[in-house]
């Protein structure tokens, strides 16, 4: 059980860091799920060196939804209220 809790804490921490470092938050912003997840996955690999995390895309989507981000439905969803920072 401690391992599961540690994994969840690590996942939450990495997502929070990603959002803080790579994303802009704002009412009128939006981004495709593919674009956002692609950047998150690259960040995840850089930070954790873990390319076998189970259901990374699904967990990422659940995290965003649980933290108040909305998305469109369908085959190619968009996330509302955030986008990637310009680099």
PDB file of N, CA and C in Angstrom:
ATOM      1  N   UNK A   1       0.813  -1.195   0.000  1.00  0.00           N
ATOM      2  CA  UNK A   1       0.000   0.000   0.000  1.00  0.00           C
ATOM      3  C   UNK A   1       0.857   1.259   0.000  1.00  0.00           C
ATOM      4  N   UNK A   2       1.961   1.249   0.736  1.00  0.00           N
ATOM      5  CA  UNK A   2       2.840   2.409   0.753  1.00  0.00           C
ATOM      6  C   UNK A   2       3.399   2.704  -0.636  1.00  0.00           C
ATOM      7  N   UNK A   3       3.681   1.665  -1.398  1.00  0.00           N
ATOM      8  CA  UNK A   3       4.210   1.855  -2.742  1.00  0.00           C
ATOM      9  C   UNK A   3       3.174   2.538  -3.619  1.00  0.00           C
ATOM     10  N   UNK A   4       1.921   2.120  -3.525  1.00  0.00           N
ATOM     11  CA  UNK A   4       0.854   2.738  -4.311  1.00  0.00           C
ATOM     12  C   UNK A   4       0.715   4.204  -3.936  1.00  0.00           C
ATOM     13  N   UNK A   5       0.678   4.513  -2.638  1.00  0.00           N
ATOM     14  CA  UNK A   5       0.562   5.898  -2.194  1.00  0.00           C
ATOM     15  C   UNK A   5       1.755   6.716  -2.662  1.00  0.00           C
ATOM     16  N   UNK A   6       2.948   6.144  -2.582  1.00  0.00           N
ATOM     17  CA  UNK A   6       4.135   6.854  -3.031  1.00  0.00           C
ATOM     18  C   UNK A   6       4.065   7.129  -4.522  1.00  0.00           C
ATOM     19  N   UNK A   7       3.596   6.163  -5.303  1.00  0.00           N
ATOM     20  CA  UNK A   7       3.455   6.339  -6.739  1.00  0.00           C
ATOM     21  C   UNK A   7       2.456   7.435  -7.053  1.00  0.00           C
ATOM     22  N   UNK A   8       1.323   7.451  -6.345  1.00  0.00           N
ATOM     23  CA  UNK A   8       0.306   8.479  -6.558  1.00  0.00           C
ATOM     24  C   UNK A   8       0.871   9.848  -6.211  1.00  0.00           C
ATOM     25  N   UNK A   9       1.561   9.949  -5.078  1.00  0.00           N
ATOM     26  CA  UNK A   9       2.162  11.222  -4.670  1.00  0.00           C
ATOM     27  C   UNK A   9       3.176  11.692  -5.701  1.00  0.00           C
ATOM     28  N   UNK A  10       3.989  10.786  -6.191  1.00  0.00           N
ATOM     29  CA  UNK A  10       4.972  11.137  -7.208  1.00  0.00           C
ATOM     30  C   UNK A  10       4.280  11.600  -8.476  1.00  0.00           C
ATOM     31  N   UNK A  11       3.256  10.892  -8.903  1.00  0.00           N
ATOM     32  CA  UNK A  11       2.529  11.266 -10.110  1.00  0.00           C
ATOM     33  C   UNK A  11       1.943  12.662  -9.952  1.00  0.00           C
ATOM     34  N   UNK A  12       1.248  12.910  -8.846  1.00  0.00           N
ATOM     35  CA  UNK A  12       0.643  14.221  -8.606  1.00  0.00           C
ATOM     36  C   UNK A  12       1.699  15.321  -8.600  1.00  0.00           C
ATOM     37  N   UNK A  13       2.816  15.052  -7.976  1.00  0.00           N
ATOM     38  CA  UNK A  13       3.892  16.040  -7.899  1.00  0.00           C
ATOM     39  C   UNK A  13       4.428  16.368  -9.291  1.00  0.00           C
ATOM     40  N   UNK A  14       4.637  15.351 -10.106  1.00  0.00           N
ATOM     41  CA  UNK A  14       5.164  15.570 -11.452  1.00  0.00           C
ATOM     42  C   UNK A  14       4.157  16.349 -12.297  1.00  0.00           C
ATOM     43  N   UNK A  15       2.881  16.015 -12.214  1.00  0.00           N
ATOM     44  CA  UNK A  15       1.873  16.752 -12.981  1.00  0.00           C
ATOM     45  C   UNK A  15       1.824  18.204 -12.516  1.00  0.00           C
ATOM     46  N   UNK A  16       1.841  18.429 -11.211  1.00  0.00           N
ATOM     47  CA  UNK A  16       1.836  19.803 -10.692  1.00  0.00           C
ATOM     48  C   UNK A  16       3.040  20.589 -11.197  1.00  0.00           C
ATOM     49  N   UNK A  17       4.210  19.976 -11.170  1.00  0.00           N
ATOM     50  CA  UNK A  17       5.420  20.638 -11.669  1.00  0.00           C
ATOM     51  C   UNK A  17       5.281  20.961 -13.154  1.00  0.00           C
ATOM     52  N   UNK A  18       4.780  20.004 -13.921  1.00  0.00           N
ATOM     53  CA  UNK A  18       4.598  20.214 -15.356  1.00  0.00           C
ATOM     54  C   UNK A  18       3.665  21.392 -15.611  1.00  0.00           C
ATOM     55  N   UNK A  19       2.535  21.414 -14.927  1.00  0.00           N
ATOM     56  CA  UNK A  19       1.579  22.503 -15.118  1.00  0.00           C
ATOM     57  C   UNK A  19       2.205  23.848 -14.750  1.00  0.00           C
ATOM     58  N   UNK A  20       2.949  23.889 -13.663  1.00  0.00           N
ATOM     59  CA  UNK A  20       3.572  25.141 -13.215  1.00  0.00           C
ATOM     60  C   UNK A  20       4.670  25.613 -14.169  1.00  0.00           C
ATOM     61  N   UNK A  21       5.461  24.689 -14.671  1.00  0.00           N
ATOM     62  CA  UNK A  21       6.618  25.054 -15.487  1.00  0.00           C
ATOM     63  C   UNK A  21       6.315  25.199 -16.977  1.00  0.00           C
ATOM     64  N   UNK A  22       5.366  24.429 -17.487  1.00  0.00           N
ATOM     65  CA  UNK A  22       5.158  24.365 -18.929  1.00  0.00           C
ATOM     66  C   UNK A  22       3.836  24.938 -19.425  1.00  0.00           C
ATOM     67  N   UNK A  23       2.908  25.220 -18.515  1.00  0.00           N
ATOM     68  CA  UNK A  23       1.575  25.616 -18.956  1.00  0.00           C
ATOM     69  C   UNK A  23       1.185  27.010 -18.488  1.00  0.00           C
ATOM     70  N   UNK A  24       0.343  27.633 -19.287  1.00  0.00           N
ATOM     71  CA  UNK A  24      -0.340  28.862 -18.910  1.00  0.00           C
ATOM     72  C   UNK A  24      -1.768  28.470 -18.593  1.00  0.00           C
ATOM     73  N   UNK A  25      -2.319  29.080 -17.570  1.00  0.00           N
ATOM     74  CA  UNK A  25      -3.687  28.803 -17.163  1.00  0.00           C
ATOM     75  C   UNK A  25      -4.506  30.059 -17.431  1.00  0.00           C
ATOM     76  N   UNK A  26      -5.664  29.901 -18.046  1.00  0.00           N
ATOM     77  CA  UNK A  26      -6.518  31.051 -18.324  1.00  0.00           C
ATOM     78  C   UNK A  26      -7.814  30.634 -18.976  1.00  0.00           C
ATOM     79  N   UNK A  27      -8.838  31.411 -18.717  1.00  0.00           N
ATOM     80  CA  UNK A  27     -10.188  31.104 -19.193  1.00  0.00           C
ATOM     81  C   UNK A  27     -10.285  30.856 -20.694  1.00  0.00           C
ATOM     82  N   UNK A  28      -9.627  31.679 -21.488  1.00  0.00           N
ATOM     83  CA  UNK A  28      -9.788  31.627 -22.942  1.00  0.00           C
ATOM     84  C   UNK A  28      -8.788  30.713 -23.644  1.00  0.00           C
ATOM     85  N   UNK A  29      -8.037  29.953 -22.881  1.00  0.00           N
ATOM     86  CA  UNK A  29      -7.003  29.106 -23.473  1.00  0.00           C
ATOM     87  C   UNK A  29      -7.532  27.708 -23.752  1.00  0.00           C
ATOM     88  N   UNK A  30      -6.902  27.058 -24.714  1.00  0.00           N
ATOM     89  CA  UNK A  30      -7.254  25.671 -25.045  1.00  0.00           C
ATOM     90  C   UNK A  30      -6.082  25.005 -25.736  1.00  0.00           C
ATOM     91  N   UNK A  31      -6.080  23.687 -25.687  1.00  0.00           N
ATOM     92  CA  UNK A  31      -5.011  22.912 -26.321  1.00  0.00           C
ATOM     93  C   UNK A  31      -5.543  21.519 -26.633  1.00  0.00           C
ATOM     94  N   UNK A  32      -5.037  20.927 -27.694  1.00  0.00           N
ATOM     95  CA  UNK A  32      -5.469  19.568 -28.011  1.00  0.00           C
ATOM     96  C   UNK A  32      -4.880  18.590 -26.999  1.00  0.00           C
ATOM     97  N   UNK A  33      -5.600  17.543 -26.766  1.00  0.00           N
ATOM     98  CA  UNK A  33      -5.155  16.486 -25.862  1.00  0.00           C
ATOM     99  C   UNK A  33      -3.831  15.899 -26.345  1.00  0.00           C
ATOM    100  N   UNK A  34      -3.717  15.679 -27.646  1.00  0.00           N
ATOM    101  CA  UNK A  34      -2.487  15.105 -28.210  1.00  0.00           C
ATOM    102  C   UNK A  34      -1.275  15.986 -27.930  1.00  0.00           C
ATOM    103  N   UNK A  35      -1.419  17.279 -28.171  1.00  0.00           N
ATOM    104  CA  UNK A  35      -0.295  18.200 -27.981  1.00  0.00           C
ATOM    105  C   UNK A  35       0.101  18.295 -26.506  1.00  0.00           C
ATOM    106  N   UNK A  36      -0.887  18.416 -25.632  1.00  0.00           N
ATOM    107  CA  UNK A  36      -0.607  18.533 -24.204  1.00  0.00           C
ATOM    108  C   UNK A  36       0.030  17.257 -23.667  1.00  0.00           C
ATOM    109  N   UNK A  37      -0.534  16.106 -24.020  1.00  0.00           N
ATOM    110  CA  UNK A  37       0.012  14.854 -23.504  1.00  0.00           C
ATOM    111  C   UNK A  37       1.405  14.573 -24.059  1.00  0.00           C
ATOM    112  N   UNK A  38       1.631  14.905 -25.320  1.00  0.00           N
ATOM    113  CA  UNK A  38       2.965  14.700 -25.894  1.00  0.00           C
ATOM    114  C   UNK A  38       4.021  15.431 -25.060  1.00  0.00           C
ATOM    115  N   UNK A  39       3.755  16.690 -24.732  1.00  0.00           N
ATOM    116  CA  UNK A  39       4.706  17.467 -23.925  1.00  0.00           C
ATOM    117  C   UNK A  39       4.819  16.906 -22.516  1.00  0.00           C
ATOM    118  N   UNK A  40       3.675  16.507 -21.943  1.00  0.00           N
ATOM    119  CA  UNK A  40       3.716  15.934 -20.597  1.00  0.00           C
ATOM    120  C   UNK A  40       4.529  14.644 -20.581  1.00  0.00           C
ATOM    121  N   UNK A  41       4.335  13.797 -21.568  1.00  0.00           N
ATOM    122  CA  UNK A  41       5.061  12.519 -21.603  1.00  0.00           C
ATOM    123  C   UNK A  41       6.571  12.751 -21.701  1.00  0.00           C
ATOM    124  N   UNK A  42       6.971  13.714 -22.521  1.00  0.00           N
ATOM    125  CA  UNK A  42       8.397  14.043 -22.618  1.00  0.00           C
ATOM    126  C   UNK A  42       8.927  14.528 -21.272  1.00  0.00           C
ATOM    127  N   UNK A  43       8.148  15.363 -20.607  1.00  0.00           N
ATOM    128  CA  UNK A  43       8.530  15.870 -19.289  1.00  0.00           C
ATOM    129  C   UNK A  43       8.611  14.714 -18.291  1.00  0.00           C
ATOM    130  N   UNK A  44       7.608  13.843 -18.309  1.00  0.00           N
ATOM    131  CA  UNK A  44       7.571  12.689 -17.413  1.00  0.00           C
ATOM    132  C   UNK A  44       8.843  11.846 -17.563  1.00  0.00           C
ATOM    133  N   UNK A  45       9.204  11.541 -18.797  1.00  0.00           N
ATOM    134  CA  UNK A  45      10.397  10.724 -19.049  1.00  0.00           C
ATOM    135  C   UNK A  45      11.669  11.427 -18.576  1.00  0.00           C
ATOM    136  N   UNK A  46      11.750  12.715 -18.787  1.00  0.00           N
ATOM    137  CA  UNK A  46      12.913  13.497 -18.368  1.00  0.00           C
ATOM    138  C   UNK A  46      13.052  13.503 -16.849  1.00  0.00           C
ATOM    139  N   UNK A  47      11.939  13.636 -16.147  1.00  0.00           N
ATOM    140  CA  UNK A  47      11.964  13.772 -14.690  1.00  0.00           C
ATOM    141  C   UNK A  47      12.060  12.419 -13.988  1.00  0.00           C
ATOM    142  N   UNK A  48      11.315  11.426 -14.463  1.00  0.00           N
ATOM    143  CA  UNK A  48      11.220  10.154 -13.738  1.00  0.00           C
ATOM    144  C   UNK A  48      12.051   9.031 -14.343  1.00  0.00           C
ATOM    145  N   UNK A  49      12.382   9.130 -15.620  1.00  0.00           N
ATOM    146  CA  UNK A  49      13.078   8.057 -16.352  1.00  0.00           C
ATOM    147  C   UNK A  49      12.262   6.762 -16.332  1.00  0.00           C
ATOM    148  N   UNK A  50      10.943   6.890 -16.199  1.00  0.00           N
ATOM    149  CA  UNK A  50      10.040   5.735 -16.105  1.00  0.00           C
ATOM    150  C   UNK A  50       9.161   5.685 -17.348  1.00  0.00           C
ATOM    151  N   UNK A  51       9.499   4.814 -18.296  1.00  0.00           N
ATOM    152  CA  UNK A  51       8.685   4.711 -19.502  1.00  0.00           C
ATOM    153  C   UNK A  51       7.674   3.567 -19.428  1.00  0.00           C
ATOM    154  N   UNK A  52       7.486   3.014 -18.238  1.00  0.00           N
ATOM    155  CA  UNK A  52       6.538   1.910 -18.077  1.00  0.00           C
ATOM    156  C   UNK A  52       5.438   2.229 -17.072  1.00  0.00           C
ATOM    157  N   UNK A  53       5.168   3.505 -16.835  1.00  0.00           N
ATOM    158  CA  UNK A  53       4.111   3.869 -15.894  1.00  0.00           C
ATOM    159  C   UNK A  53       2.779   3.416 -16.482  1.00  0.00           C
ATOM    160  N   UNK A  54       1.987   2.646 -15.719  1.00  0.00           N
ATOM    161  CA  UNK A  54       0.736   2.106 -16.261  1.00  0.00           C
ATOM    162  C   UNK A  54      -0.294   3.198 -16.537  1.00  0.00           C
ATOM    163  N   UNK A  55      -0.867   3.157 -17.723  1.00  0.00           N
ATOM    164  CA  UNK A  55      -1.973   4.038 -18.103  1.00  0.00           C
ATOM    165  C   UNK A  55      -1.656   5.517 -17.884  1.00  0.00           C
ATOM    166  N   UNK A  56      -0.493   5.952 -18.331  1.00  0.00           N
ATOM    167  CA  UNK A  56      -0.070   7.332 -18.111  1.00  0.00           C
ATOM    168  C   UNK A  56      -1.056   8.334 -18.707  1.00  0.00           C
ATOM    169  N   UNK A  57      -1.505   8.106 -19.932  1.00  0.00           N
ATOM    170  CA  UNK A  57      -2.468   9.015 -20.560  1.00  0.00           C
ATOM    171  C   UNK A  57      -3.761   9.076 -19.760  1.00  0.00           C
ATOM    172  N   UNK A  58      -4.290   7.926 -19.390  1.00  0.00           N
ATOM    173  CA  UNK A  58      -5.536   7.887 -18.624  1.00  0.00           C
ATOM    174  C   UNK A  58      -5.406   8.579 -17.280  1.00  0.00           C
ATOM    175  N   UNK A  59      -4.307   8.334 -16.584  1.00  0.00           N
ATOM    176  CA  UNK A  59      -4.092   8.974 -15.284  1.00  0.00           C
ATOM    177  C   UNK A  59      -3.938  10.484 -15.435  1.00  0.00           C
ATOM    178  N   UNK A  60      -3.270  10.913 -16.486  1.00  0.00           N
ATOM    179  CA  UNK A  60      -3.095  12.339 -16.748  1.00  0.00           C
ATOM    180  C   UNK A  60      -4.455  12.997 -16.979  1.00  0.00           C
ATOM    181  N   UNK A  61      -5.287  12.366 -17.784  1.00  0.00           N
ATOM    182  CA  UNK A  61      -6.628  12.911 -18.045  1.00  0.00           C
ATOM    183  C   UNK A  61      -7.469  12.959 -16.774  1.00  0.00           C
ATOM    184  N   UNK A  62      -7.418  11.906 -15.981  1.00  0.00           N
ATOM    185  CA  UNK A  62      -8.171  11.872 -14.720  1.00  0.00           C
ATOM    186  C   UNK A  62      -7.692  12.987 -13.804  1.00  0.00           C
ATOM    187  N   UNK A  63      -6.393  13.155 -13.688  1.00  0.00           N
ATOM    188  CA  UNK A  63      -5.836  14.199 -12.825  1.00  0.00           C
ATOM    189  C   UNK A  63      -6.357  15.571 -13.250  1.00  0.00           C
ATOM    190  N   UNK A  64      -6.272  15.871 -14.546  1.00  0.00           N
ATOM    191  CA  UNK A  64      -6.730  17.176 -15.025  1.00  0.00           C
ATOM    192  C   UNK A  64      -8.211  17.381 -14.721  1.00  0.00           C
ATOM    193  N   UNK A  65      -9.018  16.374 -14.974  1.00  0.00           N
ATOM    194  CA  UNK A  65     -10.454  16.469 -14.714  1.00  0.00           C
ATOM    195  C   UNK A  65     -10.730  16.664 -13.234  1.00  0.00           C
ATOM    196  N   UNK A  66     -10.059  15.903 -12.390  1.00  0.00           N
ATOM    197  CA  UNK A  66     -10.263  16.019 -10.942  1.00  0.00           C
ATOM    198  C   UNK A  66      -9.814  17.372 -10.402  1.00  0.00           C
ATOM    199  N   UNK A  67      -8.952  18.052 -11.137  1.00  0.00           N
ATOM    200  CA  UNK A  67      -8.468  19.360 -10.697  1.00  0.00           C
ATOM    201  C   UNK A  67      -9.142  20.509 -11.449  1.00  0.00           C
ATOM    202  N   UNK A  68     -10.305  20.217 -12.015  1.00  0.00           N
ATOM    203  CA  UNK A  68     -11.162  21.266 -12.548  1.00  0.00           C
ATOM    204  C   UNK A  68     -10.995  21.637 -14.000  1.00  0.00           C
ATOM    205  N   UNK A  69     -10.134  20.949 -14.723  1.00  0.00           N
ATOM    206  CA  UNK A  69      -9.987  21.247 -16.143  1.00  0.00           C
ATOM    207  C   UNK A  69     -11.063  20.497 -16.917  1.00  0.00           C
ATOM    208  N   UNK A  70     -11.630  21.168 -17.897  1.00  0.00           N
ATOM    209  CA  UNK A  70     -12.677  20.562 -18.714  1.00  0.00           C
ATOM    210  C   UNK A  70     -12.106  20.210 -20.084  1.00  0.00           C
ATOM    211  N   UNK A  71     -12.716  19.208 -20.691  1.00  0.00           N
ATOM    212  CA  UNK A  71     -12.293  18.834 -22.039  1.00  0.00           C
ATOM    213  C   UNK A  71     -13.515  18.540 -22.888  1.00  0.00           C
ATOM    214  N   UNK A  72     -13.309  18.617 -24.196  1.00  0.00           N
ATOM    215  CA  UNK A  72     -14.360  18.217 -25.119  1.00  0.00           C
ATOM    216  C   UNK A  72     -14.366  16.696 -25.192  1.00  0.00           C
ATOM    217  N   UNK A  73     -15.425  16.156 -25.731  1.00  0.00           N
ATOM    218  CA  UNK A  73     -15.478  14.703 -25.904  1.00  0.00           C
ATOM    219  C   UNK A  73     -15.142  14.387 -27.356  1.00  0.00           C
ATOM    220  N   UNK A  74     -15.095  13.136 -27.654  1.00  0.00           N
ATOM    221  CA  UNK A  74     -14.825  12.734 -29.023  1.00  0.00           C
ATOM    222  C   UNK A  74     -13.448  12.135 -29.190  1.00  0.00           C
ATOM    223  N   UNK A  75     -13.143  11.860 -30.435  1.00  0.00           N
ATOM    224  CA  UNK A  75     -11.906  11.164 -30.767  1.00  0.00           C
ATOM    225  C   UNK A  75     -10.658  12.024 -30.530  1.00  0.00           C
ATOM    226  N   UNK A  76     -10.772  13.333 -30.711  1.00  0.00           N
ATOM    227  CA  UNK A  76      -9.634  14.247 -30.560  1.00  0.00           C
ATOM    228  C   UNK A  76     -10.011  15.377 -29.601  1.00  0.00           C
ATOM    229  N   UNK A  77     -10.034  15.081 -28.294  1.00  0.00           N
ATOM    230  CA  UNK A  77     -10.488  16.097 -27.330  1.00  0.00           C
ATOM    231  C   UNK A  77      -9.533  17.283 -27.219  1.00  0.00           C
ATOM    232  N   UNK A  78     -10.098  18.395 -26.761  1.00  0.00           N
ATOM    233  CA  UNK A  78      -9.330  19.590 -26.422  1.00  0.00           C
ATOM    234  C   UNK A  78      -9.523  19.863 -24.944  1.00  0.00           C
ATOM    235  N   UNK A  79      -8.507  20.428 -24.316  1.00  0.00           N
ATOM    236  CA  UNK A  79      -8.586  20.856 -22.927  1.00  0.00           C
ATOM    237  C   UNK A  79      -8.799  22.351 -22.908  1.00  0.00           C
ATOM    238  N   UNK A  80      -9.694  22.790 -22.030  1.00  0.00           N
ATOM    239  CA  UNK A  80     -10.013  24.205 -21.906  1.00  0.00           C
ATOM    240  C   UNK A  80      -9.411  24.763 -20.621  1.00  0.00           C
ATOM    241  N   UNK A  81      -8.933  25.997 -20.712  1.00  0.00           N
ATOM    242  CA  UNK A  81      -8.423  26.676 -19.531  1.00  0.00           C
ATOM    243  C   UNK A  81      -6.923  26.571 -19.341  1.00  0.00           C
ATOM    244  N   UNK A  82      -6.240  25.961 -20.306  1.00  0.00           N
ATOM    245  CA  UNK A  82      -4.781  25.892 -20.227  1.00  0.00           C
ATOM    246  C   UNK A  82      -4.192  25.696 -21.611  1.00  0.00           C
ATOM    247  N   UNK A  83      -2.924  26.002 -21.728  1.00  0.00           N
ATOM    248  CA  UNK A  83      -2.162  25.762 -22.952  1.00  0.00           C
ATOM    249  C   UNK A  83      -0.686  25.711 -22.579  1.00  0.00           C
ATOM    250  N   UNK A  84       0.141  25.348 -23.525  1.00  0.00           N
ATOM    251  CA  UNK A  84       1.586  25.329 -23.276  1.00  0.00           C
ATOM    252  C   UNK A  84       2.140  26.744 -23.361  1.00  0.00           C
ATOM    253  N   UNK A  85       3.113  27.032 -22.522  1.00  0.00           N
ATOM    254  CA  UNK A  85       3.801  28.327 -22.583  1.00  0.00           C
ATOM    255  C   UNK A  85       4.593  28.408 -23.885  1.00  0.00           C
ATOM    256  N   UNK A  86       4.708  29.596 -24.405  1.00  0.00           N
ATOM    257  CA  UNK A  86       5.562  29.820 -25.576  1.00  0.00           C
ATOM    258  C   UNK A  86       7.009  29.693 -25.125  1.00  0.00           C
ATOM    259  N   UNK A  87       7.802  29.030 -25.914  1.00  0.00           N
ATOM    260  CA  UNK A  87       9.226  28.836 -25.555  1.00  0.00           C
ATOM    261  C   UNK A  87      10.109  29.589 -26.499  1.00  0.00           C
TER     262      UNK A  87
END
